[in-house]
Amino acid sequence: MEVDVVKGLKAIEKLKVDMLKAQWTYQEGSLKGLEGDILKGLAETVSICYLLARRLGYDFSKLDRTLLQILEEWKEEDYNKLESQWGDISLLIGYLAPDE
């Protein structure tokens, strides 16, 4: 059992490092105007969030529910004016939960 715990902790630490690398990929792509790097960094960040949540003991669906709750809060408070100016938050909610 102890080996599993250590392996789990190592995986979590590796994912945290990979999260920083993904954010760097996005930042560098953004500075250089490289669409591929921007999208790769963003996609890796999202993917790592799901994998990290799983390693921390949360179901993917729990992360999804929490994400939708946060988006609803952001929509109400007009987070960074993204909703009032462009409707971005409503679009994202509609994409993630089309039946709701």
PDB file of N, CA and C in Angstrom:
ATOM      1  N   MET A   1       0.824  -1.200   0.000  1.00  0.00           N
ATOM      2  CA  MET A   1       0.000   0.000   0.000  1.00  0.00           C
ATOM      3  C   MET A   1       0.868   1.264   0.000  1.00  0.00           C
ATOM      4  N   GLU A   2       1.964   1.245   0.757  1.00  0.00           N
ATOM      5  CA  GLU A   2       2.832   2.412   0.844  1.00  0.00           C
ATOM      6  C   GLU A   2       3.404   2.775  -0.521  1.00  0.00           C
ATOM      7  N   VAL A   3       3.730   1.769  -1.315  1.00  0.00           N
ATOM      8  CA  VAL A   3       4.261   2.010  -2.657  1.00  0.00           C
ATOM      9  C   VAL A   3       3.225   2.742  -3.502  1.00  0.00           C
ATOM     10  N   ASP A   4       1.948   2.346  -3.402  1.00  0.00           N
ATOM     11  CA  ASP A   4       0.892   3.008  -4.157  1.00  0.00           C
ATOM     12  C   ASP A   4       0.761   4.476  -3.767  1.00  0.00           C
ATOM     13  N   VAL A   5       0.873   4.764  -2.481  1.00  0.00           N
ATOM     14  CA  VAL A   5       0.774   6.147  -2.011  1.00  0.00           C
ATOM     15  C   VAL A   5       1.923   6.976  -2.572  1.00  0.00           C
ATOM     16  N   VAL A   6       3.128   6.441  -2.492  1.00  0.00           N
ATOM     17  CA  VAL A   6       4.300   7.155  -3.011  1.00  0.00           C
ATOM     18  C   VAL A   6       4.169   7.360  -4.520  1.00  0.00           C
ATOM     19  N   LYS A   7       3.746   6.323  -5.235  1.00  0.00           N
ATOM     20  CA  LYS A   7       3.559   6.444  -6.683  1.00  0.00           C
ATOM     21  C   LYS A   7       2.505   7.498  -6.999  1.00  0.00           C
ATOM     22  N   GLY A   8       1.438   7.506  -6.189  1.00  0.00           N
ATOM     23  CA  GLY A   8       0.379   8.493  -6.387  1.00  0.00           C
ATOM     24  C   GLY A   8       0.872   9.910  -6.160  1.00  0.00           C
ATOM     25  N   LEU A   9       1.664  10.100  -5.104  1.00  0.00           N
ATOM     26  CA  LEU A   9       2.213  11.428  -4.813  1.00  0.00           C
ATOM     27  C   LEU A   9       3.170  11.888  -5.910  1.00  0.00           C
ATOM     28  N   LYS A  10       3.975  10.961  -6.408  1.00  0.00           N
ATOM     29  CA  LYS A  10       4.895  11.303  -7.500  1.00  0.00           C
ATOM     30  C   LYS A  10       4.118  11.716  -8.750  1.00  0.00           C
ATOM     31  N   ALA A  11       3.038  10.998  -9.029  1.00  0.00           N
ATOM     32  CA  ALA A  11       2.218  11.326 -10.196  1.00  0.00           C
ATOM     33  C   ALA A  11       1.611  12.721 -10.045  1.00  0.00           C
ATOM     34  N   ILE A  12       1.140  13.046  -8.841  1.00  0.00           N
ATOM     35  CA  ILE A  12       0.561  14.367  -8.587  1.00  0.00           C
ATOM     36  C   ILE A  12       1.608  15.454  -8.786  1.00  0.00           C
ATOM     37  N   GLU A  13       2.788  15.240  -8.240  1.00  0.00           N
ATOM     38  CA  GLU A  13       3.851  16.237  -8.384  1.00  0.00           C
ATOM     39  C   GLU A  13       4.255  16.404  -9.846  1.00  0.00           C
ATOM     40  N   LYS A  14       4.313  15.313 -10.592  1.00  0.00           N
ATOM     41  CA  LYS A  14       4.646  15.384 -12.019  1.00  0.00           C
ATOM     42  C   LYS A  14       3.571  16.159 -12.780  1.00  0.00           C
ATOM     43  N   LEU A  15       2.309  15.909 -12.451  1.00  0.00           N
ATOM     44  CA  LEU A  15       1.221  16.631 -13.110  1.00  0.00           C
ATOM     45  C   LEU A  15       1.290  18.131 -12.810  1.00  0.00           C
ATOM     46  N   LYS A  16       1.659  18.477 -11.588  1.00  0.00           N
ATOM     47  CA  LYS A  16       1.786  19.895 -11.233  1.00  0.00           C
ATOM     48  C   LYS A  16       2.899  20.563 -12.046  1.00  0.00           C
ATOM     49  N   VAL A  17       4.002  19.861 -12.226  1.00  0.00           N
ATOM     50  CA  VAL A  17       5.092  20.390 -13.057  1.00  0.00           C
ATOM     51  C   VAL A  17       4.629  20.506 -14.510  1.00  0.00           C
ATOM     52  N   ASP A  18       3.931  19.479 -14.991  1.00  0.00           N
ATOM     53  CA  ASP A  18       3.431  19.504 -16.366  1.00  0.00           C
ATOM     54  C   ASP A  18       2.434  20.647 -16.575  1.00  0.00           C
ATOM     55  N   MET A  19       1.680  20.989 -15.532  1.00  0.00           N
ATOM     56  CA  MET A  19       0.741  22.113 -15.613  1.00  0.00           C
ATOM     57  C   MET A  19       1.513  23.411 -15.868  1.00  0.00           C
ATOM     58  N   LEU A  20       2.595  23.593 -15.148  1.00  0.00           N
ATOM     59  CA  LEU A  20       3.420  24.790 -15.361  1.00  0.00           C
ATOM     60  C   LEU A  20       4.018  24.808 -16.771  1.00  0.00           C
ATOM     61  N   LYS A  21       4.453  23.642 -17.244  1.00  0.00           N
ATOM     62  CA  LYS A  21       5.007  23.556 -18.603  1.00  0.00           C
ATOM     63  C   LYS A  21       3.944  23.905 -19.648  1.00  0.00           C
ATOM     64  N   ALA A  22       2.725  23.418 -19.436  1.00  0.00           N
ATOM     65  CA  ALA A  22       1.635  23.700 -20.372  1.00  0.00           C
ATOM     66  C   ALA A  22       1.319  25.193 -20.390  1.00  0.00           C
ATOM     67  N   GLN A  23       1.318  25.802 -19.214  1.00  0.00           N
ATOM     68  CA  GLN A  23       1.069  27.243 -19.156  1.00  0.00           C
ATOM     69  C   GLN A  23       2.193  28.017 -19.849  1.00  0.00           C
ATOM     70  N   TRP A  24       3.413  27.526 -19.712  1.00  0.00           N
ATOM     71  CA  TRP A  24       4.536  28.161 -20.401  1.00  0.00           C
ATOM     72  C   TRP A  24       4.386  28.014 -21.920  1.00  0.00           C
ATOM     73  N   THR A  25       3.969  26.841 -22.371  1.00  0.00           N
ATOM     74  CA  THR A  25       3.753  26.622 -23.804  1.00  0.00           C
ATOM     75  C   THR A  25       2.746  27.630 -24.340  1.00  0.00           C
ATOM     76  N   TYR A  26       1.655  27.824 -23.593  1.00  0.00           N
ATOM     77  CA  TYR A  26       0.649  28.814 -23.992  1.00  0.00           C
ATOM     78  C   TYR A  26       1.256  30.217 -24.034  1.00  0.00           C
ATOM     79  N   GLN A  27       1.960  30.594 -22.959  1.00  0.00           N
ATOM     80  CA  GLN A  27       2.536  31.940 -22.875  1.00  0.00           C
ATOM     81  C   GLN A  27       3.522  32.202 -24.014  1.00  0.00           C
ATOM     82  N   GLU A  28       4.392  31.242 -24.245  1.00  0.00           N
ATOM     83  CA  GLU A  28       5.381  31.399 -25.308  1.00  0.00           C
ATOM     84  C   GLU A  28       4.698  31.495 -26.675  1.00  0.00           C
ATOM     85  N   GLY A  29       3.707  30.638 -26.891  1.00  0.00           N
ATOM     86  CA  GLY A  29       2.958  30.690 -28.143  1.00  0.00           C
ATOM     87  C   GLY A  29       2.247  32.015 -28.322  1.00  0.00           C
ATOM     88  N   SER A  30       1.731  32.528 -27.232  1.00  0.00           N
ATOM     89  CA  SER A  30       1.041  33.813 -27.259  1.00  0.00           C
ATOM     90  C   SER A  30       2.005  34.946 -27.620  1.00  0.00           C
ATOM     91  N   LEU A  31       3.186  34.923 -27.028  1.00  0.00           N
ATOM     92  CA  LEU A  31       4.183  35.960 -27.313  1.00  0.00           C
ATOM     93  C   LEU A  31       4.684  35.895 -28.752  1.00  0.00           C
ATOM     94  N   LYS A  32       4.802  34.684 -29.273  1.00  0.00           N
ATOM     95  CA  LYS A  32       5.329  34.501 -30.630  1.00  0.00           C
ATOM     96  C   LYS A  32       4.234  34.457 -31.690  1.00  0.00           C
ATOM     97  N   GLY A  33       2.972  34.466 -31.251  1.00  0.00           N
ATOM     98  CA  GLY A  33       1.866  34.405 -32.191  1.00  0.00           C
ATOM     99  C   GLY A  33       1.734  33.058 -32.872  1.00  0.00           C
ATOM    100  N   LEU A  34       2.080  31.985 -32.157  1.00  0.00           N
ATOM    101  CA  LEU A  34       2.022  30.637 -32.725  1.00  0.00           C
ATOM    102  C   LEU A  34       0.739  29.936 -32.286  1.00  0.00           C
ATOM    103  N   GLU A  35      -0.214  29.864 -33.199  1.00  0.00           N
ATOM    104  CA  GLU A  35      -1.514  29.281 -32.885  1.00  0.00           C
ATOM    105  C   GLU A  35      -1.398  27.857 -32.355  1.00  0.00           C
ATOM    106  N   GLY A  36      -0.541  27.055 -32.962  1.00  0.00           N
ATOM    107  CA  GLY A  36      -0.385  25.665 -32.536  1.00  0.00           C
ATOM    108  C   GLY A  36       0.055  25.551 -31.090  1.00  0.00           C
ATOM    109  N   ASP A  37       1.020  26.380 -30.693  1.00  0.00           N
ATOM    110  CA  ASP A  37       1.496  26.354 -29.310  1.00  0.00           C
ATOM    111  C   ASP A  37       0.443  26.887 -28.345  1.00  0.00           C
ATOM    112  N   ILE A  38      -0.280  27.915 -28.761  1.00  0.00           N
ATOM    113  CA  ILE A  38      -1.343  28.454 -27.911  1.00  0.00           C
ATOM    114  C   ILE A  38      -2.373  27.370 -27.631  1.00  0.00           C
ATOM    115  N   LEU A  39      -2.852  26.731 -28.695  1.00  0.00           N
ATOM    116  CA  LEU A  39      -3.876  25.694 -28.530  1.00  0.00           C
ATOM    117  C   LEU A  39      -3.342  24.477 -27.782  1.00  0.00           C
ATOM    118  N   LYS A  40      -2.101  24.101 -28.058  1.00  0.00           N
ATOM    119  CA  LYS A  40      -1.499  22.965 -27.356  1.00  0.00           C
ATOM    120  C   LYS A  40      -1.404  23.256 -25.860  1.00  0.00           C
ATOM    121  N   GLY A  41      -0.922  24.434 -25.501  1.00  0.00           N
ATOM    122  CA  GLY A  41      -0.802  24.795 -24.091  1.00  0.00           C
ATOM    123  C   GLY A  41      -2.147  24.821 -23.390  1.00  0.00           C
ATOM    124  N   LEU A  42      -3.146  25.384 -24.054  1.00  0.00           N
ATOM    125  CA  LEU A  42      -4.486  25.422 -23.464  1.00  0.00           C
ATOM    126  C   LEU A  42      -5.066  24.015 -23.309  1.00  0.00           C
ATOM    127  N   ALA A  43      -4.936  23.194 -24.349  1.00  0.00           N
ATOM    128  CA  ALA A  43      -5.466  21.824 -24.297  1.00  0.00           C
ATOM    129  C   ALA A  43      -4.758  20.996 -23.231  1.00  0.00           C
ATOM    130  N   GLU A  44      -3.445  21.157 -23.137  1.00  0.00           N
ATOM    131  CA  GLU A  44      -2.705  20.425 -22.110  1.00  0.00           C
ATOM    132  C   GLU A  44      -3.131  20.866 -20.713  1.00  0.00           C
ATOM    133  N   THR A  45      -3.360  22.158 -20.529  1.00  0.00           N
ATOM    134  CA  THR A  45      -3.789  22.664 -19.226  1.00  0.00           C
ATOM    135  C   THR A  45      -5.124  22.051 -18.821  1.00  0.00           C
ATOM    136  N   VAL A  46      -6.077  22.047 -19.741  1.00  0.00           N
ATOM    137  CA  VAL A  46      -7.390  21.463 -19.446  1.00  0.00           C
ATOM    138  C   VAL A  46      -7.252  19.973 -19.138  1.00  0.00           C
ATOM    139  N   SER A  47      -6.500  19.254 -19.968  1.00  0.00           N
ATOM    140  CA  SER A  47      -6.325  17.809 -19.775  1.00  0.00           C
ATOM    141  C   SER A  47      -5.672  17.497 -18.439  1.00  0.00           C
ATOM    142  N   ILE A  48      -4.640  18.247 -18.101  1.00  0.00           N
ATOM    143  CA  ILE A  48      -3.927  18.010 -16.848  1.00  0.00           C
ATOM    144  C   ILE A  48      -4.832  18.294 -15.655  1.00  0.00           C
ATOM    145  N   CYS A  49      -5.701  19.292 -15.762  1.00  0.00           N
ATOM    146  CA  CYS A  49      -6.652  19.563 -14.670  1.00  0.00           C
ATOM    147  C   CYS A  49      -7.520  18.340 -14.392  1.00  0.00           C
ATOM    148  N   TYR A  50      -8.012  17.704 -15.442  1.00  0.00           N
ATOM    149  CA  TYR A  50      -8.833  16.503 -15.260  1.00  0.00           C
ATOM    150  C   TYR A  50      -8.024  15.362 -14.652  1.00  0.00           C
ATOM    151  N   LEU A  51      -6.816  15.152 -15.153  1.00  0.00           N
ATOM    152  CA  LEU A  51      -5.981  14.071 -14.630  1.00  0.00           C
ATOM    153  C   LEU A  51      -5.568  14.331 -13.186  1.00  0.00           C
ATOM    154  N   LEU A  52      -5.273  15.570 -12.868  1.00  0.00           N
ATOM    155  CA  LEU A  52      -4.906  15.923 -11.504  1.00  0.00           C
ATOM    156  C   LEU A  52      -6.089  15.728 -10.558  1.00  0.00           C
ATOM    157  N   ALA A  53      -7.269  16.129 -10.981  1.00  0.00           N
ATOM    158  CA  ALA A  53      -8.466  15.913 -10.160  1.00  0.00           C
ATOM    159  C   ALA A  53      -8.652  14.422  -9.873  1.00  0.00           C
ATOM    160  N   ARG A  54      -8.457  13.609 -10.888  1.00  0.00           N
ATOM    161  CA  ARG A  54      -8.599  12.148 -10.715  1.00  0.00           C
ATOM    162  C   ARG A  54      -7.569  11.618  -9.724  1.00  0.00           C
ATOM    163  N   ARG A  55      -6.321  12.028  -9.841  1.00  0.00           N
ATOM    164  CA  ARG A  55      -5.268  11.576  -8.916  1.00  0.00           C
ATOM    165  C   ARG A  55      -5.537  12.058  -7.497  1.00  0.00           C
ATOM    166  N   LEU A  56      -6.256  13.173  -7.355  1.00  0.00           N
ATOM    167  CA  LEU A  56      -6.599  13.692  -6.032  1.00  0.00           C
ATOM    168  C   LEU A  56      -7.860  13.044  -5.467  1.00  0.00           C
ATOM    169  N   GLY A  57      -8.451  12.140  -6.248  1.00  0.00           N
ATOM    170  CA  GLY A  57      -9.587  11.370  -5.757  1.00  0.00           C
ATOM    171  C   GLY A  57     -10.955  11.871  -6.172  1.00  0.00           C
ATOM    172  N   TYR A  58     -11.013  12.783  -7.125  1.00  0.00           N
ATOM    173  CA  TYR A  58     -12.295  13.320  -7.576  1.00  0.00           C
ATOM    174  C   TYR A  58     -12.680  12.705  -8.918  1.00  0.00           C
ATOM    175  N   ASP A  59     -13.969  12.460  -9.096  1.00  0.00           N
ATOM    176  CA  ASP A  59     -14.480  11.992 -10.384  1.00  0.00           C
ATOM    177  C   ASP A  59     -14.439  13.147 -11.383  1.00  0.00           C
ATOM    178  N   PHE A  60     -14.294  12.796 -12.652  1.00  0.00           N
ATOM    179  CA  PHE A  60     -14.335  13.818 -13.697  1.00  0.00           C
ATOM    180  C   PHE A  60     -15.650  14.594 -13.632  1.00  0.00           C
ATOM    181  N   SER A  61     -16.744  13.886 -13.350  1.00  0.00           N
ATOM    182  CA  SER A  61     -18.057  14.535 -13.313  1.00  0.00           C
ATOM    183  C   SER A  61     -18.152  15.561 -12.187  1.00  0.00           C
ATOM    184  N   LYS A  62     -17.465  15.315 -11.077  1.00  0.00           N
ATOM    185  CA  LYS A  62     -17.477  16.290  -9.981  1.00  0.00           C
ATOM    186  C   LYS A  62     -16.751  17.563 -10.412  1.00  0.00           C
ATOM    187  N   LEU A  63     -15.658  17.401 -11.135  1.00  0.00           N
ATOM    188  CA  LEU A  63     -14.950  18.569 -11.659  1.00  0.00           C
ATOM    189  C   LEU A  63     -15.843  19.319 -12.645  1.00  0.00           C
ATOM    190  N   ASP A  64     -16.541  18.585 -13.505  1.00  0.00           N
ATOM    191  CA  ASP A  64     -17.468  19.214 -14.453  1.00  0.00           C
ATOM    192  C   ASP A  64     -18.548  20.009 -13.730  1.00  0.00           C
ATOM    193  N   ARG A  65     -19.142  19.414 -12.700  1.00  0.00           N
ATOM    194  CA  ARG A  65     -20.202  20.102 -11.945  1.00  0.00           C
ATOM    195  C   ARG A  65     -19.665  21.368 -11.278  1.00  0.00           C
ATOM    196  N   THR A  66     -18.476  21.266 -10.716  1.00  0.00           N
ATOM    197  CA  THR A  66     -17.864  22.429 -10.071  1.00  0.00           C
ATOM    198  C   THR A  66     -17.576  23.515 -11.103  1.00  0.00           C
ATOM    199  N   LEU A  67     -17.089  23.107 -12.259  1.00  0.00           N
ATOM    200  CA  LEU A  67     -16.820  24.053 -13.342  1.00  0.00           C
ATOM    201  C   LEU A  67     -18.097  24.789 -13.744  1.00  0.00           C
ATOM    202  N   LEU A  68     -19.186  24.051 -13.921  1.00  0.00           N
ATOM    203  CA  LEU A  68     -20.452  24.681 -14.309  1.00  0.00           C
ATOM    204  C   LEU A  68     -20.961  25.631 -13.232  1.00  0.00           C
ATOM    205  N   GLN A  69     -20.787  25.273 -11.965  1.00  0.00           N
ATOM    206  CA  GLN A  69     -21.192  26.169 -10.872  1.00  0.00           C
ATOM    207  C   GLN A  69     -20.399  27.474 -10.924  1.00  0.00           C
ATOM    208  N   ILE A  70     -19.105  27.352 -11.136  1.00  0.00           N
ATOM    209  CA  ILE A  70     -18.251  28.544 -11.215  1.00  0.00           C
ATOM    210  C   ILE A  70     -18.648  29.408 -12.410  1.00  0.00           C
ATOM    211  N   LEU A  71     -18.912  28.772 -13.539  1.00  0.00           N
ATOM    212  CA  LEU A  71     -19.312  29.533 -14.721  1.00  0.00           C
ATOM    213  C   LEU A  71     -20.624  30.275 -14.493  1.00  0.00           C
ATOM    214  N   GLU A  72     -21.570  29.640 -13.803  1.00  0.00           N
ATOM    215  CA  GLU A  72     -22.841  30.307 -13.479  1.00  0.00           C
ATOM    216  C   GLU A  72     -22.591  31.520 -12.582  1.00  0.00           C
ATOM    217  N   GLU A  73     -21.693  31.369 -11.608  1.00  0.00           N
ATOM    218  CA  GLU A  73     -21.341  32.499 -10.734  1.00  0.00           C
ATOM    219  C   GLU A  73     -20.693  33.613 -11.548  1.00  0.00           C
ATOM    220  N   TRP A  74     -19.777  33.254 -12.423  1.00  0.00           N
ATOM    221  CA  TRP A  74     -19.101  34.252 -13.254  1.00  0.00           C
ATOM    222  C   TRP A  74     -20.089  34.967 -14.173  1.00  0.00           C
ATOM    223  N   LYS A  75     -21.060  34.218 -14.675  1.00  0.00           N
ATOM    224  CA  LYS A  75     -22.075  34.815 -15.539  1.00  0.00           C
ATOM    225  C   LYS A  75     -22.869  35.863 -14.760  1.00  0.00           C
ATOM    226  N   GLU A  76     -23.249  35.518 -13.536  1.00  0.00           N
ATOM    227  CA  GLU A  76     -24.020  36.436 -12.694  1.00  0.00           C
ATOM    228  C   GLU A  76     -23.234  37.705 -12.373  1.00  0.00           C
ATOM    229  N   GLU A  77     -21.955  37.559 -12.077  1.00  0.00           N
ATOM    230  CA  GLU A  77     -21.139  38.723 -11.695  1.00  0.00           C
ATOM    231  C   GLU A  77     -20.480  39.396 -12.898  1.00  0.00           C
ATOM    232  N   ASP A  78     -20.726  38.861 -14.093  1.00  0.00           N
ATOM    233  CA  ASP A  78     -20.144  39.377 -15.336  1.00  0.00           C
ATOM    234  C   ASP A  78     -18.622  39.443 -15.243  1.00  0.00           C
ATOM    235  N   TYR A  79     -18.059  38.293 -14.958  1.00  0.00           N
ATOM    236  CA  TYR A  79     -16.612  38.132 -14.788  1.00  0.00           C
ATOM    237  C   TYR A  79     -15.852  38.767 -15.949  1.00  0.00           C
ATOM    238  N   ASN A  80     -15.002  39.729 -15.630  1.00  0.00           N
ATOM    239  CA  ASN A  80     -14.184  40.454 -16.623  1.00  0.00           C
ATOM    240  C   ASN A  80     -14.997  40.996 -17.802  1.00  0.00           C
ATOM    241  N   LYS A  81     -16.279  41.214 -17.575  1.00  0.00           N
ATOM    242  CA  LYS A  81     -17.201  41.718 -18.606  1.00  0.00           C
ATOM    243  C   LYS A  81     -17.287  40.803 -19.833  1.00  0.00           C
ATOM    244  N   LEU A  82     -16.895  39.550 -19.650  1.00  0.00           N
ATOM    245  CA  LEU A  82     -16.929  38.605 -20.774  1.00  0.00           C
ATOM    246  C   LEU A  82     -18.356  38.278 -21.195  1.00  0.00           C
ATOM    247  N   GLU A  83     -19.281  38.327 -20.238  1.00  0.00           N
ATOM    248  CA  GLU A  83     -20.671  38.005 -20.557  1.00  0.00           C
ATOM    249  C   GLU A  83     -21.368  39.195 -21.217  1.00  0.00           C
ATOM    250  N   SER A  84     -21.263  40.358 -20.610  1.00  0.00           N
ATOM    251  CA  SER A  84     -21.988  41.514 -21.143  1.00  0.00           C
ATOM    252  C   SER A  84     -21.441  41.964 -22.498  1.00  0.00           C
ATOM    253  N   GLN A  85     -20.152  41.815 -22.712  1.00  0.00           N
ATOM    254  CA  GLN A  85     -19.578  42.283 -23.974  1.00  0.00           C
ATOM    255  C   GLN A  85     -19.665  41.257 -25.099  1.00  0.00           C
ATOM    256  N   TRP A  86     -19.500  39.980 -24.762  1.00  0.00           N
ATOM    257  CA  TRP A  86     -19.452  38.978 -25.833  1.00  0.00           C
ATOM    258  C   TRP A  86     -20.330  37.752 -25.604  1.00  0.00           C
ATOM    259  N   GLY A  87     -20.857  37.575 -24.417  1.00  0.00           N
ATOM    260  CA  GLY A  87     -21.667  36.393 -24.133  1.00  0.00           C
ATOM    261  C   GLY A  87     -20.849  35.112 -24.057  1.00  0.00           C
ATOM    262  N   ASP A  88     -19.547  35.253 -23.802  1.00  0.00           N
ATOM    263  CA  ASP A  88     -18.649  34.092 -23.792  1.00  0.00           C
ATOM    264  C   ASP A  88     -19.040  33.035 -22.762  1.00  0.00           C
ATOM    265  N   ILE A  89     -19.440  33.477 -21.587  1.00  0.00           N
ATOM    266  CA  ILE A  89     -19.730  32.513 -20.520  1.00  0.00           C
ATOM    267  C   ILE A  89     -20.978  31.711 -20.856  1.00  0.00           C
ATOM    268  N   SER A  90     -22.006  32.362 -21.365  1.00  0.00           N
ATOM    269  CA  SER A  90     -23.214  31.639 -21.789  1.00  0.00           C
ATOM    270  C   SER A  90     -22.897  30.649 -22.903  1.00  0.00           C
ATOM    271  N   LEU A  91     -22.046  31.060 -23.833  1.00  0.00           N
ATOM    272  CA  LEU A  91     -21.651  30.154 -24.915  1.00  0.00           C
ATOM    273  C   LEU A  91     -20.931  28.924 -24.367  1.00  0.00           C
ATOM    274  N   LEU A  92     -20.043  29.135 -23.403  1.00  0.00           N
ATOM    275  CA  LEU A  92     -19.310  28.017 -22.821  1.00  0.00           C
ATOM    276  C   LEU A  92     -20.238  27.101 -22.037  1.00  0.00           C
ATOM    277  N   ILE A  93     -21.137  27.672 -21.260  1.00  0.00           N
ATOM    278  CA  ILE A  93     -22.105  26.855 -20.517  1.00  0.00           C
ATOM    279  C   ILE A  93     -22.945  26.041 -21.494  1.00  0.00           C
ATOM    280  N   GLY A  94     -23.402  26.669 -22.566  1.00  0.00           N
ATOM    281  CA  GLY A  94     -24.191  25.962 -23.572  1.00  0.00           C
ATOM    282  C   GLY A  94     -23.414  24.844 -24.246  1.00  0.00           C
ATOM    283  N   TYR A  95     -22.134  25.041 -24.427  1.00  0.00           N
ATOM    284  CA  TYR A  95     -21.279  24.018 -25.034  1.00  0.00           C
ATOM    285  C   TYR A  95     -21.061  22.851 -24.080  1.00  0.00           C
ATOM    286  N   LEU A  96     -20.786  23.163 -22.809  1.00  0.00           N
ATOM    287  CA  LEU A  96     -20.487  22.116 -21.830  1.00  0.00           C
ATOM    288  C   LEU A  96     -21.730  21.371 -21.361  1.00  0.00           C
ATOM    289  N   ALA A  97     -22.858  22.057 -21.322  1.00  0.00           N
ATOM    290  CA  ALA A  97     -24.096  21.442 -20.829  1.00  0.00           C
ATOM    291  C   ALA A  97     -25.247  21.843 -21.743  1.00  0.00           C
ATOM    292  N   PRO A  98     -25.287  21.306 -22.961  1.00  0.00           N
ATOM    293  CA  PRO A  98     -26.285  21.743 -23.942  1.00  0.00           C
ATOM    294  C   PRO A  98     -27.730  21.441 -23.556  1.00  0.00           C
ATOM    295  N   ASP A  99     -27.946  20.467 -22.692  1.00  0.00           N
ATOM    296  CA  ASP A  99     -29.314  20.085 -22.333  1.00  0.00           C
ATOM    297  C   ASP A  99     -29.873  20.877 -21.162  1.00  0.00           C
ATOM    298  N   GLU A 100     -29.053  21.689 -20.546  1.00  0.00           N
ATOM    299  CA  GLU A 100     -29.512  22.410 -19.350  1.00  0.00           C
ATOM    300  C   GLU A 100     -29.987  23.796 -19.675  1.00  0.00           C
TER     301      GLU A 100
END
